[in-house]
């Protein structure tokens, strides 16, 4: 599967904990990456400073769904499901 034009869900929905140029501490889930342009394309695609997690991401139907809205929902759900819960006792 190729990335869908005008999507960028993978650059918005997940948290990224590694440094990104312009975002030295990464980014929280739901926050657009600073490297995402107005057409939802990565400005540092293929460059060595792109985070490894981004470089390893591959568009797949089970992650990207059938449209941008589904992709945002699916990836957000994956983020929520895999984020450790903090104990209320802490």
PDB file of N, CA and C in Angstrom:
ATOM      1  N   UNK A   1       0.846  -1.183   0.000  1.00  0.00           N
ATOM      2  CA  UNK A   1       0.000   0.000   0.000  1.00  0.00           C
ATOM      3  C   UNK A   1       0.886   1.239   0.000  1.00  0.00           C
ATOM      4  N   UNK A   2       0.542   2.215  -0.793  1.00  0.00           N
ATOM      5  CA  UNK A   2       1.248   3.491  -0.798  1.00  0.00           C
ATOM      6  C   UNK A   2       0.551   4.466   0.141  1.00  0.00           C
ATOM      7  N   UNK A   3       1.301   5.432   0.622  1.00  0.00           N
ATOM      8  CA  UNK A   3       0.686   6.469   1.449  1.00  0.00           C
ATOM      9  C   UNK A   3      -0.372   7.200   0.637  1.00  0.00           C
ATOM     10  N   UNK A   4      -1.446   7.543   1.318  1.00  0.00           N
ATOM     11  CA  UNK A   4      -2.554   8.251   0.676  1.00  0.00           C
ATOM     12  C   UNK A   4      -2.219   9.749   0.658  1.00  0.00           C
ATOM     13  N   UNK A   5      -2.425  10.407  -0.468  1.00  0.00           N
ATOM     14  CA  UNK A   5      -2.187  11.857  -0.525  1.00  0.00           C
ATOM     15  C   UNK A   5      -3.072  12.603   0.477  1.00  0.00           C
ATOM     16  N   UNK A   6      -2.555  13.682   0.997  1.00  0.00           N
ATOM     17  CA  UNK A   6      -3.301  14.543   1.921  1.00  0.00           C
ATOM     18  C   UNK A   6      -3.755  13.817   3.185  1.00  0.00           C
ATOM     19  N   UNK A   7      -2.931  12.907   3.711  1.00  0.00           N
ATOM     20  CA  UNK A   7      -3.330  12.153   4.909  1.00  0.00           C
ATOM     21  C   UNK A   7      -2.547  12.636   6.129  1.00  0.00           C
ATOM     22  N   UNK A   8      -1.319  12.180   6.293  1.00  0.00           N
ATOM     23  CA  UNK A   8      -0.495  12.603   7.420  1.00  0.00           C
ATOM     24  C   UNK A   8      -0.909  12.048   8.772  1.00  0.00           C
ATOM     25  N   UNK A   9      -1.832  11.081   8.801  1.00  0.00           N
ATOM     26  CA  UNK A   9      -2.300  10.537  10.080  1.00  0.00           C
ATOM     27  C   UNK A   9      -1.150   9.970  10.914  1.00  0.00           C
ATOM     28  N   UNK A  10      -0.190   9.342  10.260  1.00  0.00           N
ATOM     29  CA  UNK A  10       0.944   8.754  10.983  1.00  0.00           C
ATOM     30  C   UNK A  10       1.890   9.825  11.538  1.00  0.00           C
ATOM     31  N   UNK A  11       1.713  11.060  11.111  1.00  0.00           N
ATOM     32  CA  UNK A  11       2.525  12.178  11.600  1.00  0.00           C
ATOM     33  C   UNK A  11       1.760  13.026  12.620  1.00  0.00           C
ATOM     34  N   UNK A  12       0.541  12.615  12.922  1.00  0.00           N
ATOM     35  CA  UNK A  12      -0.304  13.353  13.857  1.00  0.00           C
ATOM     36  C   UNK A  12      -0.716  12.481  15.037  1.00  0.00           C
ATOM     37  N   UNK A  13      -1.317  11.335  14.754  1.00  0.00           N
ATOM     38  CA  UNK A  13      -1.945  10.516  15.802  1.00  0.00           C
ATOM     39  C   UNK A  13      -0.979   9.917  16.819  1.00  0.00           C
ATOM     40  N   UNK A  14       0.148   9.330  16.415  1.00  0.00           N
ATOM     41  CA  UNK A  14       0.993   8.689  17.427  1.00  0.00           C
ATOM     42  C   UNK A  14       1.925   9.666  18.142  1.00  0.00           C
ATOM     43  N   UNK A  15       2.326   9.253  19.341  1.00  0.00           N
ATOM     44  CA  UNK A  15       3.393   9.991  20.015  1.00  0.00           C
ATOM     45  C   UNK A  15       4.712   9.530  19.399  1.00  0.00           C
ATOM     46  N   UNK A  16       5.692  10.406  19.416  1.00  0.00           N
ATOM     47  CA  UNK A  16       7.040  10.063  18.959  1.00  0.00           C
ATOM     48  C   UNK A  16       7.976  10.521  20.058  1.00  0.00           C
ATOM     49  N   UNK A  17       8.730   9.584  20.617  1.00  0.00           N
ATOM     50  CA  UNK A  17       9.577   9.917  21.765  1.00  0.00           C
ATOM     51  C   UNK A  17      11.008  10.287  21.380  1.00  0.00           C
ATOM     52  N   UNK A  18      11.390  10.042  20.149  1.00  0.00           N
ATOM     53  CA  UNK A  18      12.737  10.406  19.721  1.00  0.00           C
ATOM     54  C   UNK A  18      12.741  11.838  19.187  1.00  0.00           C
ATOM     55  N   UNK A  19      13.915  12.472  19.192  1.00  0.00           N
ATOM     56  CA  UNK A  19      13.991  13.855  18.695  1.00  0.00           C
ATOM     57  C   UNK A  19      13.621  13.968  17.210  1.00  0.00           C
ATOM     58  N   UNK A  20      12.979  15.060  16.911  1.00  0.00           N
ATOM     59  CA  UNK A  20      12.610  15.417  15.544  1.00  0.00           C
ATOM     60  C   UNK A  20      13.177  16.822  15.332  1.00  0.00           C
ATOM     61  N   UNK A  21      13.778  17.137  14.185  1.00  0.00           N
ATOM     62  CA  UNK A  21      14.241  18.503  13.987  1.00  0.00           C
ATOM     63  C   UNK A  21      13.109  19.504  14.258  1.00  0.00           C
ATOM     64  N   UNK A  22      13.338  20.405  15.187  1.00  0.00           N
ATOM     65  CA  UNK A  22      12.330  21.379  15.577  1.00  0.00           C
ATOM     66  C   UNK A  22      11.477  20.921  16.749  1.00  0.00           C
ATOM     67  N   UNK A  23      11.591  19.655  17.119  1.00  0.00           N
ATOM     68  CA  UNK A  23      10.868  19.072  18.266  1.00  0.00           C
ATOM     69  C   UNK A  23      11.856  18.158  19.000  1.00  0.00           C
ATOM     70  N   UNK A  24      12.798  18.735  19.744  1.00  0.00           N
ATOM     71  CA  UNK A  24      13.882  17.947  20.339  1.00  0.00           C
ATOM     72  C   UNK A  24      13.440  16.880  21.336  1.00  0.00           C
ATOM     73  N   UNK A  25      12.241  16.997  21.854  1.00  0.00           N
ATOM     74  CA  UNK A  25      11.741  16.006  22.816  1.00  0.00           C
ATOM     75  C   UNK A  25      10.679  15.113  22.198  1.00  0.00           C
ATOM     76  N   UNK A  26      10.589  15.110  20.882  1.00  0.00           N
ATOM     77  CA  UNK A  26       9.558  14.335  20.208  1.00  0.00           C
ATOM     78  C   UNK A  26       8.239  15.086  20.226  1.00  0.00           C
ATOM     79  N   UNK A  27       7.134  14.323  20.143  1.00  0.00           N
ATOM     80  CA  UNK A  27       5.819  14.967  20.124  1.00  0.00           C
ATOM     81  C   UNK A  27       4.794  14.083  20.811  1.00  0.00           C
ATOM     82  N   UNK A  28       3.811  14.703  21.439  1.00  0.00           N
ATOM     83  CA  UNK A  28       2.740  13.912  22.044  1.00  0.00           C
ATOM     84  C   UNK A  28       1.737  13.437  20.989  1.00  0.00           C
ATOM     85  N   UNK A  29       1.001  12.409  21.336  1.00  0.00           N
ATOM     86  CA  UNK A  29      -0.050  11.900  20.453  1.00  0.00           C
ATOM     87  C   UNK A  29      -1.066  12.999  20.155  1.00  0.00           C
ATOM     88  N   UNK A  30      -1.522  13.033  18.925  1.00  0.00           N
ATOM     89  CA  UNK A  30      -2.536  14.006  18.522  1.00  0.00           C
ATOM     90  C   UNK A  30      -1.983  15.355  18.107  1.00  0.00           C
ATOM     91  N   UNK A  31      -0.688  15.550  18.240  1.00  0.00           N
ATOM     92  CA  UNK A  31      -0.034  16.797  17.855  1.00  0.00           C
ATOM     93  C   UNK A  31       0.637  16.609  16.502  1.00  0.00           C
ATOM     94  N   UNK A  32       0.337  17.451  15.525  1.00  0.00           N
ATOM     95  CA  UNK A  32       1.014  17.315  14.232  1.00  0.00           C
ATOM     96  C   UNK A  32       2.525  17.543  14.373  1.00  0.00           C
ATOM     97  N   UNK A  33       3.290  16.736  13.680  1.00  0.00           N
ATOM     98  CA  UNK A  33       4.739  16.915  13.648  1.00  0.00           C
ATOM     99  C   UNK A  33       5.049  18.250  12.979  1.00  0.00           C
ATOM    100  N   UNK A  34       6.040  18.947  13.493  1.00  0.00           N
ATOM    101  CA  UNK A  34       6.445  20.236  12.929  1.00  0.00           C
ATOM    102  C   UNK A  34       6.970  20.069  11.501  1.00  0.00           C
ATOM    103  N   UNK A  35       7.381  18.856  11.151  1.00  0.00           N
ATOM    104  CA  UNK A  35       7.911  18.597   9.812  1.00  0.00           C
ATOM    105  C   UNK A  35       6.834  18.218   8.793  1.00  0.00           C
ATOM    106  N   UNK A  36       5.586  18.287   9.198  1.00  0.00           N
ATOM    107  CA  UNK A  36       4.469  17.995   8.301  1.00  0.00           C
ATOM    108  C   UNK A  36       4.089  19.270   7.564  1.00  0.00           C
ATOM    109  N   UNK A  37       4.115  19.229   6.232  1.00  0.00           N
ATOM    110  CA  UNK A  37       3.812  20.447   5.478  1.00  0.00           C
ATOM    111  C   UNK A  37       2.306  20.631   5.269  1.00  0.00           C
ATOM    112  N   UNK A  38       1.927  21.672   4.563  1.00  0.00           N
ATOM    113  CA  UNK A  38       0.518  22.009   4.350  1.00  0.00           C
ATOM    114  C   UNK A  38      -0.233  20.956   3.536  1.00  0.00           C
ATOM    115  N   UNK A  39       0.490  20.119   2.812  1.00  0.00           N
ATOM    116  CA  UNK A  39      -0.129  19.045   2.035  1.00  0.00           C
ATOM    117  C   UNK A  39      -0.022  17.707   2.754  1.00  0.00           C
ATOM    118  N   UNK A  40       0.313  17.747   4.048  1.00  0.00           N
ATOM    119  CA  UNK A  40       0.450  16.554   4.889  1.00  0.00           C
ATOM    120  C   UNK A  40       1.543  15.618   4.392  1.00  0.00           C
ATOM    121  N   UNK A  41       2.648  16.196   3.969  1.00  0.00           N
ATOM    122  CA  UNK A  41       3.818  15.423   3.556  1.00  0.00           C
ATOM    123  C   UNK A  41       4.969  15.746   4.498  1.00  0.00           C
ATOM    124  N   UNK A  42       5.833  14.771   4.692  1.00  0.00           N
ATOM    125  CA  UNK A  42       6.988  14.947   5.573  1.00  0.00           C
ATOM    126  C   UNK A  42       8.075  15.760   4.862  1.00  0.00           C
ATOM    127  N   UNK A  43       8.486  16.847   5.485  1.00  0.00           N
ATOM    128  CA  UNK A  43       9.523  17.710   4.898  1.00  0.00           C
ATOM    129  C   UNK A  43      10.909  17.080   4.985  1.00  0.00           C
ATOM    130  N   UNK A  44      11.081  16.069   5.862  1.00  0.00           N
ATOM    131  CA  UNK A  44      12.409  15.449   6.015  1.00  0.00           C
ATOM    132  C   UNK A  44      12.389  13.979   5.576  1.00  0.00           C
ATOM    133  N   UNK A  45      11.408  13.605   4.756  1.00  0.00           N
ATOM    134  CA  UNK A  45      11.309  12.233   4.256  1.00  0.00           C
ATOM    135  C   UNK A  45      12.612  11.849   3.570  1.00  0.00           C
ATOM    136  N   UNK A  46      13.149  10.682   3.925  1.00  0.00           N
ATOM    137  CA  UNK A  46      14.371  10.177   3.313  1.00  0.00           C
ATOM    138  C   UNK A  46      15.655  10.803   3.824  1.00  0.00           C
ATOM    139  N   UNK A  47      15.573  11.737   4.741  1.00  0.00           N
ATOM    140  CA  UNK A  47      16.763  12.384   5.278  1.00  0.00           C
ATOM    141  C   UNK A  47      17.209  11.686   6.562  1.00  0.00           C
ATOM    142  N   UNK A  48      18.505  11.711   6.851  1.00  0.00           N
ATOM    143  CA  UNK A  48      19.010  10.978   8.013  1.00  0.00           C
ATOM    144  C   UNK A  48      18.485  11.482   9.365  1.00  0.00           C
ATOM    145  N   UNK A  49      18.061  12.723   9.448  1.00  0.00           N
ATOM    146  CA  UNK A  49      17.563  13.246  10.726  1.00  0.00           C
ATOM    147  C   UNK A  49      16.118  12.838  11.016  1.00  0.00           C
ATOM    148  N   UNK A  50      15.477  12.195  10.070  1.00  0.00           N
ATOM    149  CA  UNK A  50      14.110  11.691  10.282  1.00  0.00           C
ATOM    150  C   UNK A  50      14.171  10.586  11.341  1.00  0.00           C
ATOM    151  N   UNK A  51      13.268  10.622  12.322  1.00  0.00           N
ATOM    152  CA  UNK A  51      13.305   9.591  13.368  1.00  0.00           C
ATOM    153  C   UNK A  51      13.180   8.179  12.791  1.00  0.00           C
ATOM    154  N   UNK A  52      13.871   7.246  13.412  1.00  0.00           N
ATOM    155  CA  UNK A  52      13.867   5.861  12.945  1.00  0.00           C
ATOM    156  C   UNK A  52      12.458   5.275  12.913  1.00  0.00           C
ATOM    157  N   UNK A  53      11.653   5.601  13.918  1.00  0.00           N
ATOM    158  CA  UNK A  53      10.284   5.081  13.956  1.00  0.00           C
ATOM    159  C   UNK A  53       9.489   5.535  12.729  1.00  0.00           C
ATOM    160  N   UNK A  54       9.739   6.723  12.263  1.00  0.00           N
ATOM    161  CA  UNK A  54       9.063   7.236  11.066  1.00  0.00           C
ATOM    162  C   UNK A  54       9.572   6.525   9.816  1.00  0.00           C
ATOM    163  N   UNK A  55      10.882   6.359   9.739  1.00  0.00           N
ATOM    164  CA  UNK A  55      11.477   5.712   8.575  1.00  0.00           C
ATOM    165  C   UNK A  55      11.014   4.264   8.447  1.00  0.00           C
ATOM    166  N   UNK A  56      10.741   3.609   9.566  1.00  0.00           N
ATOM    167  CA  UNK A  56      10.325   2.208   9.538  1.00  0.00           C
ATOM    168  C   UNK A  56       8.820   2.031   9.334  1.00  0.00           C
ATOM    169  N   UNK A  57       8.050   3.098   9.430  1.00  0.00           N
ATOM    170  CA  UNK A  57       6.605   2.979   9.250  1.00  0.00           C
ATOM    171  C   UNK A  57       6.288   2.633   7.805  1.00  0.00           C
ATOM    172  N   UNK A  58       5.404   1.674   7.633  1.00  0.00           N
ATOM    173  CA  UNK A  58       4.943   1.302   6.289  1.00  0.00           C
ATOM    174  C   UNK A  58       3.421   1.381   6.265  1.00  0.00           C
ATOM    175  N   UNK A  59       2.882   2.034   5.284  1.00  0.00           N
ATOM    176  CA  UNK A  59       1.431   2.124   5.142  1.00  0.00           C
ATOM    177  C   UNK A  59       0.865   0.723   4.923  1.00  0.00           C
ATOM    178  N   UNK A  60      -0.104   0.374   5.749  1.00  0.00           N
ATOM    179  CA  UNK A  60      -0.775  -0.924   5.663  1.00  0.00           C
ATOM    180  C   UNK A  60      -2.266  -0.678   5.826  1.00  0.00           C
ATOM    181  N   UNK A  61      -3.083  -1.438   5.150  1.00  0.00           N
ATOM    182  CA  UNK A  61      -4.533  -1.252   5.198  1.00  0.00           C
ATOM    183  C   UNK A  61      -5.075  -1.356   6.619  1.00  0.00           C
ATOM    184  N   UNK A  62      -4.521  -2.261   7.434  1.00  0.00           N
ATOM    185  CA  UNK A  62      -5.031  -2.419   8.796  1.00  0.00           C
ATOM    186  C   UNK A  62      -4.728  -1.214   9.682  1.00  0.00           C
ATOM    187  N   UNK A  63      -3.762  -0.407   9.291  1.00  0.00           N
ATOM    188  CA  UNK A  63      -3.413   0.805  10.043  1.00  0.00           C
ATOM    189  C   UNK A  63      -4.051   2.038   9.402  1.00  0.00           C
ATOM    190  N   UNK A  64      -4.056   2.078   8.095  1.00  0.00           N
ATOM    191  CA  UNK A  64      -4.492   3.273   7.371  1.00  0.00           C
ATOM    192  C   UNK A  64      -5.982   3.291   7.024  1.00  0.00           C
ATOM    193  N   UNK A  65      -6.642   2.168   7.134  1.00  0.00           N
ATOM    194  CA  UNK A  65      -8.069   2.133   6.823  1.00  0.00           C
ATOM    195  C   UNK A  65      -8.346   2.526   5.383  1.00  0.00           C
ATOM    196  N   UNK A  66      -9.547   3.035   5.174  1.00  0.00           N
ATOM    197  CA  UNK A  66      -9.964   3.377   3.817  1.00  0.00           C
ATOM    198  C   UNK A  66      -9.885   4.860   3.504  1.00  0.00           C
ATOM    199  N   UNK A  67      -9.621   5.691   4.532  1.00  0.00           N
ATOM    200  CA  UNK A  67      -9.512   7.129   4.313  1.00  0.00           C
ATOM    201  C   UNK A  67      -8.756   7.763   5.481  1.00  0.00           C
ATOM    202  N   UNK A  68      -8.484   9.033   5.371  1.00  0.00           N
ATOM    203  CA  UNK A  68      -7.706   9.752   6.389  1.00  0.00           C
ATOM    204  C   UNK A  68      -8.370   9.696   7.767  1.00  0.00           C
ATOM    205  N   UNK A  69      -9.678   9.858   7.809  1.00  0.00           N
ATOM    206  CA  UNK A  69     -10.396   9.854   9.088  1.00  0.00           C
ATOM    207  C   UNK A  69     -10.261   8.503   9.776  1.00  0.00           C
ATOM    208  N   UNK A  70     -10.362   7.418   9.005  1.00  0.00           N
ATOM    209  CA  UNK A  70     -10.180   6.085   9.584  1.00  0.00           C
ATOM    210  C   UNK A  70      -8.754   5.910  10.069  1.00  0.00           C
ATOM    211  N   UNK A  71      -7.788   6.376   9.291  1.00  0.00           N
ATOM    212  CA  UNK A  71      -6.387   6.249   9.693  1.00  0.00           C
ATOM    213  C   UNK A  71      -6.135   6.976  11.010  1.00  0.00           C
ATOM    214  N   UNK A  72      -6.653   8.190  11.140  1.00  0.00           N
ATOM    215  CA  UNK A  72      -6.491   8.925  12.397  1.00  0.00           C
ATOM    216  C   UNK A  72      -7.124   8.168  13.564  1.00  0.00           C
ATOM    217  N   UNK A  73      -8.291   7.598  13.337  1.00  0.00           N
ATOM    218  CA  UNK A  73      -8.987   6.853  14.389  1.00  0.00           C
ATOM    219  C   UNK A  73      -8.229   5.576  14.757  1.00  0.00           C
ATOM    220  N   UNK A  74      -7.802   4.827  13.763  1.00  0.00           N
ATOM    221  CA  UNK A  74      -7.097   3.565  14.002  1.00  0.00           C
ATOM    222  C   UNK A  74      -5.782   3.810  14.729  1.00  0.00           C
ATOM    223  N   UNK A  75      -4.995   4.750  14.233  1.00  0.00           N
ATOM    224  CA  UNK A  75      -3.689   5.011  14.842  1.00  0.00           C
ATOM    225  C   UNK A  75      -3.862   5.589  16.245  1.00  0.00           C
ATOM    226  N   UNK A  76      -4.847   6.441  16.443  1.00  0.00           N
ATOM    227  CA  UNK A  76      -5.117   6.973  17.790  1.00  0.00           C
ATOM    228  C   UNK A  76      -5.511   5.856  18.745  1.00  0.00           C
ATOM    229  N   UNK A  77      -6.336   4.926  18.264  1.00  0.00           N
ATOM    230  CA  UNK A  77      -6.732   3.793  19.096  1.00  0.00           C
ATOM    231  C   UNK A  77      -5.527   2.923  19.433  1.00  0.00           C
ATOM    232  N   UNK A  78      -4.652   2.698  18.463  1.00  0.00           N
ATOM    233  CA  UNK A  78      -3.437   1.917  18.716  1.00  0.00           C
ATOM    234  C   UNK A  78      -2.572   2.610  19.768  1.00  0.00           C
ATOM    235  N   UNK A  79      -2.459   3.925  19.657  1.00  0.00           N
ATOM    236  CA  UNK A  79      -1.687   4.706  20.628  1.00  0.00           C
ATOM    237  C   UNK A  79      -2.291   4.549  22.025  1.00  0.00           C
ATOM    238  N   UNK A  80      -3.601   4.720  22.133  1.00  0.00           N
ATOM    239  CA  UNK A  80      -4.271   4.604  23.434  1.00  0.00           C
ATOM    240  C   UNK A  80      -4.133   3.207  24.022  1.00  0.00           C
ATOM    241  N   UNK A  81      -4.253   2.196  23.181  1.00  0.00           N
ATOM    242  CA  UNK A  81      -4.193   0.812  23.633  1.00  0.00           C
ATOM    243  C   UNK A  81      -2.807   0.427  24.126  1.00  0.00           C
ATOM    244  N   UNK A  82      -1.786   1.014  23.556  1.00  0.00           N
ATOM    245  CA  UNK A  82      -0.413   0.624  23.912  1.00  0.00           C
ATOM    246  C   UNK A  82       0.271   1.573  24.888  1.00  0.00           C
ATOM    247  N   UNK A  83      -0.414   2.634  25.303  1.00  0.00           N
ATOM    248  CA  UNK A  83       0.162   3.573  26.259  1.00  0.00           C
ATOM    249  C   UNK A  83      -0.037   3.030  27.677  1.00  0.00           C
ATOM    250  N   UNK A  84       1.061   2.848  28.417  1.00  0.00           N
ATOM    251  CA  UNK A  84       0.920   2.332  29.777  1.00  0.00           C
ATOM    252  C   UNK A  84       0.081   3.271  30.649  1.00  0.00           C
ATOM    253  N   UNK A  85      -0.754   2.681  31.455  1.00  0.00           N
ATOM    254  CA  UNK A  85      -1.570   3.466  32.399  1.00  0.00           C
ATOM    255  C   UNK A  85      -0.730   3.753  33.642  1.00  0.00           C
ATOM    256  N   UNK A  86      -0.827   4.962  34.145  1.00  0.00           N
ATOM    257  CA  UNK A  86      -0.163   5.298  35.388  1.00  0.00           C
ATOM    258  C   UNK A  86      -1.060   4.870  36.536  1.00  0.00           C
ATOM    259  N   UNK A  87      -0.471   4.293  37.518  1.00  0.00           N
ATOM    260  CA  UNK A  87      -1.240   3.843  38.673  1.00  0.00           C
ATOM    261  C   UNK A  87      -1.772   5.045  39.436  1.00  0.00           C
ATOM    262  N   UNK A  88      -3.014   4.983  39.869  1.00  0.00           N
ATOM    263  CA  UNK A  88      -3.598   6.060  40.659  1.00  0.00           C
ATOM    264  C   UNK A  88      -2.960   6.130  42.038  1.00  0.00           C
ATOM    265  N   UNK A  89      -2.252   5.067  42.420  1.00  0.00           N
ATOM    266  CA  UNK A  89      -1.612   5.037  43.733  1.00  0.00           C
ATOM    267  C   UNK A  89      -0.317   5.814  43.756  1.00  0.00           C
ATOM    268  N   UNK A  90       0.234   6.147  42.601  1.00  0.00           N
ATOM    269  CA  UNK A  90       1.523   6.867  42.571  1.00  0.00           C
ATOM    270  C   UNK A  90       1.397   8.276  43.031  1.00  0.00           C
TER     271      UNK A  90
END
